[in-house]
Amino acid sequence: MKKVNLKDIISSLEQTDDQTSFYLNKNTYKIEMTFEDYFTLVDNLSEDDKLEGHPDWEKSLINLTRDILYGNDYISLPDKYEINEYDMMKKFLKHLPEFLFDSFYDALHKKSAFRNFHNLLNKHHLNDKWLKYRYEKYKDIAIYWCLSNKIKYIYK
């Protein structure tokens, strides 16, 4: 029985952003990456387009994106909105010493919240604590996604 490595899912989730999406092939259990621009490109190509003028690496990416868009073999991993790192940061505040809570809370409710948050992490030497917390939250998201999609997984 095939299983996906949870660490591969977590790594993919950590790389997800506005332009980058990850998908699990239900047959091979391989995680594939594509970019939002390629969905637009594929939408504008005809079905019989030979992709002349595109380098081989790009042809592969276009064909993968076609398979994702029009096939049934791929399941989308959570996107950045489902991950919601801002919400993660807000929940992390509960794990801070009380005397730091207000400064972190204020930082998250001002312009440039992500930068402010990370500056405070650096200032108070809390990067390791944040990264451990964040990793566990990504792990929780990955497990929930696997269970929701009936995907068997291992963690090694």
Protein backbone atom coordinates (compact mmCIF):
# COMPACT_ATOMS: atom_id res chain seq x y z
CA MET A 1 0.00 0.00 0.00
CA LYS A 2 1.37 3.39 -0.99
CA LYS A 3 1.94 6.06 1.61
CA VAL A 4 3.06 9.64 1.30
CA ASN A 5 5.77 10.94 3.59
CA LEU A 6 4.25 13.58 5.84
CA LYS A 7 7.56 15.46 5.82
CA ASP A 8 7.22 15.91 2.04
CA ILE A 9 3.77 17.40 2.50
CA ILE A 10 5.00 19.71 5.26
CA SER A 11 7.90 20.86 3.07
CA SER A 12 5.48 21.61 0.25
CA LEU A 13 3.15 23.52 2.55
CA GLU A 14 6.06 25.64 3.77
CA GLN A 15 6.81 26.63 0.15
CA THR A 16 3.22 27.44 -0.82
CA ASP A 17 2.57 31.06 -1.73
CA ASP A 18 0.47 33.18 -4.10
CA GLN A 19 2.20 31.78 -7.18
CA THR A 20 3.17 28.26 -6.14
CA SER A 21 0.79 25.33 -5.69
CA PHE A 22 1.39 21.69 -4.84
CA TYR A 23 -0.60 18.62 -5.82
CA LEU A 24 -0.48 14.97 -4.87
CA ASN A 25 -0.75 12.43 -7.66
CA LYS A 26 -3.27 9.89 -6.33
CA ASN A 27 -1.66 7.07 -8.34
CA THR A 28 2.02 7.60 -7.64
CA TYR A 29 1.75 9.53 -4.34
CA LYS A 30 4.32 11.94 -5.78
CA ILE A 31 3.93 15.61 -4.91
CA GLU A 32 4.14 17.95 -7.89
CA MET A 33 4.57 21.71 -7.99
CA THR A 34 3.21 24.18 -10.52
CA PHE A 35 2.71 27.92 -10.76
CA GLU A 36 -0.41 30.04 -11.14
CA ASP A 37 0.88 31.56 -14.39
CA TYR A 38 0.80 28.10 -15.97
CA PHE A 39 -2.90 27.64 -15.23
CA THR A 40 -3.54 30.83 -17.20
CA LEU A 41 -1.23 29.67 -19.98
CA VAL A 42 -2.93 26.25 -20.20
CA ASP A 43 -6.37 27.87 -20.26
CA ASN A 44 -5.29 29.87 -23.30
CA LEU A 45 -3.74 26.94 -25.23
CA SER A 46 -5.68 24.81 -27.64
CA GLU A 47 -5.86 21.07 -26.90
CA ASP A 48 -3.72 20.20 -29.92
CA ASP A 49 -1.07 22.87 -29.30
CA LYS A 50 2.33 21.23 -29.89
CA LEU A 51 4.09 23.69 -27.54
CA GLU A 52 6.65 24.59 -30.17
CA GLY A 53 8.95 27.33 -29.02
CA HIS A 54 8.84 26.18 -25.39
CA PRO A 55 11.93 24.56 -23.84
CA ASP A 56 11.56 20.93 -22.75
CA TRP A 57 11.41 21.79 -19.04
CA GLU A 58 8.54 24.15 -19.69
CA LYS A 59 6.70 21.63 -21.87
CA SER A 60 6.83 19.24 -18.91
CA LEU A 61 5.43 21.89 -16.59
CA ILE A 62 2.69 22.81 -19.06
CA ASN A 63 1.73 19.15 -19.50
CA LEU A 64 1.71 18.63 -15.73
CA THR A 65 -0.52 21.68 -15.31
CA ARG A 66 -2.85 20.35 -18.01
CA ASP A 67 -3.07 17.03 -16.18
CA ILE A 68 -3.82 18.80 -12.91
CA LEU A 69 -6.42 21.06 -14.49
CA TYR A 70 -8.22 18.59 -16.72
CA GLY A 71 -7.42 15.17 -15.24
CA ASN A 72 -8.58 13.32 -12.17
CA ASP A 73 -5.23 12.12 -10.83
CA TYR A 74 -4.31 15.07 -8.64
CA ILE A 75 -5.48 16.42 -5.30
CA SER A 76 -4.57 19.95 -4.31
CA LEU A 77 -2.60 20.35 -1.11
CA PRO A 78 -3.81 23.17 1.14
CA ASP A 79 -3.19 26.62 -0.30
CA LYS A 80 -1.86 29.63 1.59
CA TYR A 81 -5.37 30.64 2.65
CA GLU A 82 -6.06 27.23 4.15
CA ILE A 83 -2.68 27.34 5.89
CA ASN A 84 -3.23 30.90 7.20
CA GLU A 85 0.14 31.67 8.73
CA TYR A 86 -1.18 34.96 10.13
CA ASP A 87 -3.64 33.02 12.26
CA MET A 88 -0.76 30.75 13.32
CA MET A 89 1.18 33.80 14.50
CA LYS A 90 -1.81 35.05 16.50
CA LYS A 91 -2.19 31.67 18.21
CA PHE A 92 1.54 31.57 18.94
CA LEU A 93 1.07 34.57 21.23
CA LYS A 94 -0.52 32.26 23.82
CA HIS A 95 2.87 30.54 24.15
CA LEU A 96 4.82 33.70 24.89
CA PRO A 97 5.79 34.99 28.32
CA GLU A 98 3.12 37.38 29.54
CA PHE A 99 5.43 40.41 29.48
CA LEU A 100 5.89 39.99 25.68
CA PHE A 101 2.28 39.44 24.76
CA ASP A 102 1.32 43.11 24.28
CA SER A 103 4.27 44.00 22.04
CA PHE A 104 3.64 40.96 19.78
CA TYR A 105 -0.10 41.61 19.77
CA ASP A 106 0.47 45.22 18.72
CA ALA A 107 2.95 44.15 16.05
CA LEU A 108 0.39 41.81 14.48
CA HIS A 109 -2.24 44.55 14.34
CA LYS A 110 -0.14 47.15 12.56
CA LYS A 111 0.94 47.56 8.97
CA SER A 112 3.69 45.08 7.99
CA ALA A 113 2.53 42.56 10.60
CA PHE A 114 4.73 39.73 9.28
CA ARG A 115 7.87 41.85 9.32
CA ASN A 116 7.05 43.28 12.75
CA PHE A 117 6.43 39.79 14.14
CA HIS A 118 9.72 38.44 12.79
CA ASN A 119 11.63 41.48 14.04
CA LEU A 120 10.31 40.85 17.54
CA LEU A 121 11.17 37.16 17.29
CA ASN A 122 14.75 38.15 16.46
CA LYS A 123 14.90 40.79 19.17
CA HIS A 124 13.75 38.36 21.88
CA HIS A 125 15.61 35.30 20.53
CA LEU A 126 12.40 33.38 19.95
CA ASN A 127 13.03 32.17 16.39
CA ASP A 128 13.60 28.56 17.42
CA LYS A 129 10.45 28.51 19.54
CA TRP A 130 8.42 29.97 16.66
CA LEU A 131 9.88 27.58 14.08
CA LYS A 132 9.10 24.55 16.26
CA TYR A 133 5.56 25.81 16.86
CA ARG A 134 5.06 26.60 13.19
CA TYR A 135 6.36 23.18 12.11
CA GLU A 136 3.91 21.44 14.46
CA LYS A 137 1.04 23.48 13.02
CA TYR A 138 2.08 22.56 9.47
CA LYS A 139 2.25 18.95 10.60
CA ASP A 140 -1.29 19.21 12.02
CA ILE A 141 -2.52 20.67 8.72
CA ALA A 142 -0.80 17.91 6.75
CA ILE A 143 -2.29 15.15 8.93
CA TYR A 144 -5.76 16.66 8.72
CA TRP A 145 -5.43 16.96 4.93
CA CYS A 146 -4.34 13.31 4.64
CA LEU A 147 -7.19 12.08 6.82
CA SER A 148 -9.74 14.24 4.97
CA ASN A 149 -8.59 12.86 1.63
CA LYS A 150 -8.13 9.26 2.84
CA ILE A 151 -4.41 9.42 2.07
CA LYS A 152 -2.20 6.99 3.96
CA TYR A 153 0.97 8.55 5.31
CA ILE A 154 4.20 7.83 7.13
CA TYR A 155 6.36 10.21 9.13
CA LYS A 156 10.04 9.51 8.73
